[in-house]
Amino acid sequence: MTGGAGFEDAAPTDTPALRALADSGMEFDVTVHGPVRSLEEAAEERGVDPRQILKTIVVRRGEDDFLFVLVPGDRQISWPKLREHLGVSRLSMPDKEIAREVTGYERGTITPFGASLSPRGTAWPVIADALIVSREGPVSIGGGAHGVAASVHPAQLVEVLDATVADVTEPLG
């Protein structure tokens, strides 16, 4: 585990996400840091480039029909691309209360690892933007609590999550 001095006590290191990561058999390194106010601060604390941080976005296709989209930190979802990929005309993002209810995580800590299951008892689908696997080096994904992250190899992440890789993002702004 890596992280700044004293922060190990500030953030939990036994989260459902980290337990699910351990159970997956995937190799990962945990980073624990203090509070951050931006993705750029999180990247600095984790010792990675902002593009290496993965944002896990909860997307709603319909009633009780959610999925995760993994987005590089320097990108945002392209809603037209995502709608086209999924073959739907409408998508939305749940508000923070619904997101917490359906994932078990607060916004800013959401990760596919250890998240609540769908009402059907299955894991939600995961879409990983194509840039995640084309870039060099590890990526940093949320560890299920503020100030907790896991660095993983992107190809292994996609494999373990059985994620669909697709071009679903665009540059920020």
C-alpha atoms as a PDB file:
ATOM      1  CA  MET A   1       0.000   0.000   0.000  1.00  0.00           C
ATOM      2  CA  THR A   2       1.202   3.487  -0.761  1.00  0.00           C
ATOM      3  CA  GLY A   3       0.049   6.848   0.491  1.00  0.00           C
ATOM      4  CA  GLY A   4       0.915   9.908   2.508  1.00  0.00           C
ATOM      5  CA  ALA A   5       1.943   9.618   6.146  1.00  0.00           C
ATOM      6  CA  GLY A   6      -0.979   9.417   8.525  1.00  0.00           C
ATOM      7  CA  PHE A   7      -3.634   8.971   5.838  1.00  0.00           C
ATOM      8  CA  GLU A   8      -3.903   5.217   6.389  1.00  0.00           C
ATOM      9  CA  ASP A   9      -5.971   5.982   9.501  1.00  0.00           C
ATOM     10  CA  ALA A  10      -8.094   8.573   7.693  1.00  0.00           C
ATOM     11  CA  ALA A  11      -9.461   6.280   4.965  1.00  0.00           C
ATOM     12  CA  PRO A  12     -10.665   2.699   5.317  1.00  0.00           C
ATOM     13  CA  THR A  13      -8.520   0.099   3.617  1.00  0.00           C
ATOM     14  CA  ASP A  14     -10.992  -2.769   4.066  1.00  0.00           C
ATOM     15  CA  THR A  15     -13.786  -1.786   1.711  1.00  0.00           C
ATOM     16  CA  PRO A  16     -16.127  -4.034  -0.280  1.00  0.00           C
ATOM     17  CA  ALA A  17     -14.277  -2.790  -3.387  1.00  0.00           C
ATOM     18  CA  LEU A  18     -10.847  -3.829  -2.131  1.00  0.00           C
ATOM     19  CA  ARG A  19     -12.198  -7.194  -0.970  1.00  0.00           C
ATOM     20  CA  ALA A  20     -13.756  -7.740  -4.415  1.00  0.00           C
ATOM     21  CA  LEU A  21     -10.483  -6.754  -6.066  1.00  0.00           C
ATOM     22  CA  ALA A  22      -8.607  -9.254  -3.894  1.00  0.00           C
ATOM     23  CA  ASP A  23     -11.181 -11.958  -4.674  1.00  0.00           C
ATOM     24  CA  SER A  24     -10.797 -11.288  -8.406  1.00  0.00           C
ATOM     25  CA  GLY A  25      -7.210 -12.537  -8.395  1.00  0.00           C
ATOM     26  CA  MET A  26      -6.114  -9.372 -10.173  1.00  0.00           C
ATOM     27  CA  GLU A  27      -2.830  -7.756  -9.180  1.00  0.00           C
ATOM     28  CA  PHE A  28      -3.286  -4.258  -7.744  1.00  0.00           C
ATOM     29  CA  ASP A  29      -1.643  -1.680  -5.516  1.00  0.00           C
ATOM     30  CA  VAL A  30      -3.684   0.337  -3.031  1.00  0.00           C
ATOM     31  CA  THR A  31      -3.100   4.052  -2.606  1.00  0.00           C
ATOM     32  CA  VAL A  32      -4.541   5.902   0.380  1.00  0.00           C
ATOM     33  CA  HIS A  33      -4.521   9.696   0.514  1.00  0.00           C
ATOM     34  CA  GLY A  34      -6.288  12.565   2.181  1.00  0.00           C
ATOM     35  CA  PRO A  35      -9.250  14.534   0.901  1.00  0.00           C
ATOM     36  CA  VAL A  36      -9.023  15.978  -2.608  1.00  0.00           C
ATOM     37  CA  ARG A  37     -11.120  18.603  -4.355  1.00  0.00           C
ATOM     38  CA  SER A  38     -10.469  17.653  -7.972  1.00  0.00           C
ATOM     39  CA  LEU A  39      -9.389  14.901 -10.284  1.00  0.00           C
ATOM     40  CA  GLU A  40      -6.075  16.708 -10.746  1.00  0.00           C
ATOM     41  CA  GLU A  41      -5.457  16.682  -6.977  1.00  0.00           C
ATOM     42  CA  ALA A  42      -6.352  12.987  -6.842  1.00  0.00           C
ATOM     43  CA  ALA A  43      -3.893  12.278  -9.659  1.00  0.00           C
ATOM     44  CA  GLU A  44      -1.148  14.172  -7.845  1.00  0.00           C
ATOM     45  CA  GLU A  45      -1.826  12.305  -4.591  1.00  0.00           C
ATOM     46  CA  ARG A  46      -1.806   8.957  -6.418  1.00  0.00           C
ATOM     47  CA  GLY A  47       1.329   9.771  -8.401  1.00  0.00           C
ATOM     48  CA  VAL A  48      -0.339   9.304 -11.784  1.00  0.00           C
ATOM     49  CA  ASP A  49      -1.309  11.443 -14.742  1.00  0.00           C
ATOM     50  CA  PRO A  50      -4.983  12.596 -14.713  1.00  0.00           C
ATOM     51  CA  ARG A  51      -5.651  10.493 -17.834  1.00  0.00           C
ATOM     52  CA  GLN A  52      -4.702   7.367 -15.815  1.00  0.00           C
ATOM     53  CA  ILE A  53      -7.516   7.916 -13.321  1.00  0.00           C
ATOM     54  CA  LEU A  54     -10.707   6.099 -14.248  1.00  0.00           C
ATOM     55  CA  LYS A  55     -14.002   7.704 -13.445  1.00  0.00           C
ATOM     56  CA  THR A  56     -16.748   5.130 -12.901  1.00  0.00           C
ATOM     57  CA  ILE A  57     -20.001   6.618 -14.166  1.00  0.00           C
ATOM     58  CA  VAL A  58     -23.366   5.048 -13.346  1.00  0.00           C
ATOM     59  CA  VAL A  59     -25.721   5.231 -16.315  1.00  0.00           C
ATOM     60  CA  ARG A  60     -29.406   4.347 -16.300  1.00  0.00           C
ATOM     61  CA  ARG A  61     -30.941   2.750 -19.386  1.00  0.00           C
ATOM     62  CA  GLY A  62     -34.352   2.242 -17.816  1.00  0.00           C
ATOM     63  CA  GLU A  63     -36.156   1.317 -14.620  1.00  0.00           C
ATOM     64  CA  ASP A  64     -33.764  -0.843 -12.542  1.00  0.00           C
ATOM     65  CA  ASP A  65     -31.443  -1.109 -15.569  1.00  0.00           C
ATOM     66  CA  PHE A  66     -28.034   0.393 -14.872  1.00  0.00           C
ATOM     67  CA  LEU A  67     -24.521  -0.029 -16.190  1.00  0.00           C
ATOM     68  CA  PHE A  68     -21.050   1.296 -15.432  1.00  0.00           C
ATOM     69  CA  VAL A  69     -18.987   3.302 -17.899  1.00  0.00           C
ATOM     70  CA  LEU A  70     -15.249   3.607 -17.215  1.00  0.00           C
ATOM     71  CA  VAL A  71     -13.982   6.967 -18.452  1.00  0.00           C
ATOM     72  CA  PRO A  72     -10.358   8.191 -18.497  1.00  0.00           C
ATOM     73  CA  GLY A  73      -9.852  11.251 -16.296  1.00  0.00           C
ATOM     74  CA  ASP A  74      -9.080  13.521 -19.233  1.00  0.00           C
ATOM     75  CA  ARG A  75     -12.289  12.561 -21.071  1.00  0.00           C
ATOM     76  CA  GLN A  76     -16.060  12.677 -20.654  1.00  0.00           C
ATOM     77  CA  ILE A  77     -18.873  10.464 -21.882  1.00  0.00           C
ATOM     78  CA  SER A  78     -19.989  11.197 -25.418  1.00  0.00           C
ATOM     79  CA  TRP A  79     -23.711  10.637 -24.984  1.00  0.00           C
ATOM     80  CA  PRO A  80     -24.362  10.222 -28.735  1.00  0.00           C
ATOM     81  CA  LYS A  81     -21.595   7.594 -28.996  1.00  0.00           C
ATOM     82  CA  LEU A  82     -22.821   5.741 -25.898  1.00  0.00           C
ATOM     83  CA  ARG A  83     -26.463   5.787 -27.055  1.00  0.00           C
ATOM     84  CA  GLU A  84     -25.405   4.495 -30.474  1.00  0.00           C
ATOM     85  CA  HIS A  85     -23.226   1.772 -28.931  1.00  0.00           C
ATOM     86  CA  LEU A  86     -26.082   0.611 -26.688  1.00  0.00           C
ATOM     87  CA  GLY A  87     -28.720   0.975 -29.405  1.00  0.00           C
ATOM     88  CA  VAL A  88     -30.936   3.207 -27.283  1.00  0.00           C
ATOM     89  CA  SER A  89     -32.346   6.684 -27.759  1.00  0.00           C
ATOM     90  CA  ARG A  90     -32.312   7.745 -24.116  1.00  0.00           C
ATOM     91  CA  LEU A  91     -29.895   7.434 -21.196  1.00  0.00           C
ATOM     92  CA  SER A  92     -29.594   9.299 -17.920  1.00  0.00           C
ATOM     93  CA  MET A  93     -27.442   9.556 -14.836  1.00  0.00           C
ATOM     94  CA  PRO A  94     -29.154   8.850 -11.520  1.00  0.00           C
ATOM     95  CA  ASP A  95     -28.966  11.490  -8.799  1.00  0.00           C
ATOM     96  CA  LYS A  96     -26.524  10.911  -5.954  1.00  0.00           C
ATOM     97  CA  GLU A  97     -29.086   9.279  -3.651  1.00  0.00           C
ATOM     98  CA  ILE A  98     -30.179   6.744  -6.268  1.00  0.00           C
ATOM     99  CA  ALA A  99     -26.540   6.093  -7.244  1.00  0.00           C
ATOM    100  CA  ARG A 100     -25.702   5.318  -3.608  1.00  0.00           C
ATOM    101  CA  GLU A 101     -28.794   3.155  -3.177  1.00  0.00           C
ATOM    102  CA  VAL A 102     -28.088   1.035  -6.241  1.00  0.00           C
ATOM    103  CA  THR A 103     -24.278   0.749  -5.942  1.00  0.00           C
ATOM    104  CA  GLY A 104     -23.705   0.932  -2.188  1.00  0.00           C
ATOM    105  CA  TYR A 105     -21.151   3.720  -2.775  1.00  0.00           C
ATOM    106  CA  GLU A 106     -21.223   7.502  -2.480  1.00  0.00           C
ATOM    107  CA  ARG A 107     -20.578   9.542  -5.588  1.00  0.00           C
ATOM    108  CA  GLY A 108     -16.819   9.999  -5.890  1.00  0.00           C
ATOM    109  CA  THR A 109     -16.160   6.488  -4.536  1.00  0.00           C
ATOM    110  CA  ILE A 110     -18.180   4.416  -7.024  1.00  0.00           C
ATOM    111  CA  THR A 111     -16.437   1.445  -8.600  1.00  0.00           C
ATOM    112  CA  PRO A 112     -17.703  -1.735 -10.247  1.00  0.00           C
ATOM    113  CA  PHE A 113     -15.816  -3.770  -7.632  1.00  0.00           C
ATOM    114  CA  GLY A 114     -18.044  -4.713  -4.715  1.00  0.00           C
ATOM    115  CA  ALA A 115     -20.978  -2.691  -6.045  1.00  0.00           C
ATOM    116  CA  SER A 116     -24.494  -3.867  -5.407  1.00  0.00           C
ATOM    117  CA  LEU A 117     -25.927  -6.348  -7.860  1.00  0.00           C
ATOM    118  CA  SER A 118     -28.824  -5.742 -10.186  1.00  0.00           C
ATOM    119  CA  PRO A 119     -32.304  -6.792  -8.984  1.00  0.00           C
ATOM    120  CA  ARG A 120     -31.719  -9.949 -11.049  1.00  0.00           C
ATOM    121  CA  GLY A 121     -28.705 -10.812  -8.857  1.00  0.00           C
ATOM    122  CA  THR A 122     -26.150 -10.273 -11.601  1.00  0.00           C
ATOM    123  CA  ALA A 123     -23.307  -7.811 -11.914  1.00  0.00           C
ATOM    124  CA  TRP A 124     -24.027  -4.756 -14.030  1.00  0.00           C
ATOM    125  CA  PRO A 125     -22.560  -4.511 -17.506  1.00  0.00           C
ATOM    126  CA  VAL A 126     -19.348  -2.479 -17.749  1.00  0.00           C
ATOM    127  CA  ILE A 127     -18.279  -0.459 -20.758  1.00  0.00           C
ATOM    128  CA  ALA A 128     -14.631   0.617 -20.795  1.00  0.00           C
ATOM    129  CA  ASP A 129     -13.670   3.419 -23.133  1.00  0.00           C
ATOM    130  CA  ALA A 130     -11.260   2.183 -25.816  1.00  0.00           C
ATOM    131  CA  LEU A 131      -8.537   4.619 -24.721  1.00  0.00           C
ATOM    132  CA  ILE A 132      -8.206   2.796 -21.393  1.00  0.00           C
ATOM    133  CA  VAL A 133      -6.578  -0.237 -22.976  1.00  0.00           C
ATOM    134  CA  SER A 134      -4.621   1.672 -25.620  1.00  0.00           C
ATOM    135  CA  ARG A 135      -2.660   3.833 -23.179  1.00  0.00           C
ATOM    136  CA  GLU A 136       0.572   2.777 -21.500  1.00  0.00           C
ATOM    137  CA  GLY A 137       0.912   2.062 -17.796  1.00  0.00           C
ATOM    138  CA  PRO A 138      -1.474   1.307 -14.971  1.00  0.00           C
ATOM    139  CA  VAL A 139      -4.812   2.965 -14.362  1.00  0.00           C
ATOM    140  CA  SER A 140      -6.173   4.076 -11.005  1.00  0.00           C
ATOM    141  CA  ILE A 141      -9.728   3.096 -10.106  1.00  0.00           C
ATOM    142  CA  GLY A 142     -11.698   4.031  -7.002  1.00  0.00           C
ATOM    143  CA  GLY A 143     -11.378   1.797  -3.985  1.00  0.00           C
ATOM    144  CA  GLY A 144     -14.869   2.297  -2.593  1.00  0.00           C
ATOM    145  CA  ALA A 145     -14.082   5.075  -0.099  1.00  0.00           C
ATOM    146  CA  HIS A 146     -12.881   8.659  -0.320  1.00  0.00           C
ATOM    147  CA  GLY A 147      -9.084   8.733  -0.561  1.00  0.00           C
ATOM    148  CA  VAL A 148      -8.741   5.037  -1.477  1.00  0.00           C
ATOM    149  CA  ALA A 149      -7.749   3.849  -4.951  1.00  0.00           C
ATOM    150  CA  ALA A 150      -6.304   0.800  -6.657  1.00  0.00           C
ATOM    151  CA  SER A 151      -3.773   0.842  -9.483  1.00  0.00           C
ATOM    152  CA  VAL A 152      -4.339  -1.984 -11.940  1.00  0.00           C
ATOM    153  CA  HIS A 153      -3.243  -3.092 -15.396  1.00  0.00           C
ATOM    154  CA  PRO A 154      -5.941  -1.910 -17.843  1.00  0.00           C
ATOM    155  CA  ALA A 155      -6.125  -5.119 -19.903  1.00  0.00           C
ATOM    156  CA  GLN A 156      -6.505  -7.207 -16.753  1.00  0.00           C
ATOM    157  CA  LEU A 157      -9.177  -4.804 -15.463  1.00  0.00           C
ATOM    158  CA  VAL A 158     -11.208  -5.173 -18.661  1.00  0.00           C
ATOM    159  CA  GLU A 159     -10.856  -8.958 -18.538  1.00  0.00           C
ATOM    160  CA  VAL A 160     -11.830  -9.333 -14.874  1.00  0.00           C
ATOM    161  CA  LEU A 161     -14.851  -7.039 -15.264  1.00  0.00           C
ATOM    162  CA  ASP A 162     -15.821  -8.720 -18.556  1.00  0.00           C
ATOM    163  CA  ALA A 163     -16.081  -5.169 -19.848  1.00  0.00           C
ATOM    164  CA  THR A 164     -17.042  -4.256 -23.371  1.00  0.00           C
ATOM    165  CA  VAL A 165     -14.400  -1.990 -24.905  1.00  0.00           C
ATOM    166  CA  ALA A 166     -15.876   0.784 -27.074  1.00  0.00           C
ATOM    167  CA  ASP A 167     -15.186   4.342 -28.166  1.00  0.00           C
ATOM    168  CA  VAL A 168     -17.703   6.152 -25.927  1.00  0.00           C
ATOM    169  CA  THR A 169     -15.864   9.312 -24.801  1.00  0.00           C
ATOM    170  CA  GLU A 170     -14.716  12.677 -26.065  1.00  0.00           C
ATOM    171  CA  PRO A 171     -12.235  15.282 -24.786  1.00  0.00           C
ATOM    172  CA  LEU A 172     -13.335  17.351 -21.795  1.00  0.00           C
ATOM    173  CA  GLY A 173     -15.024  20.647 -22.500  1.00  0.00           C
END
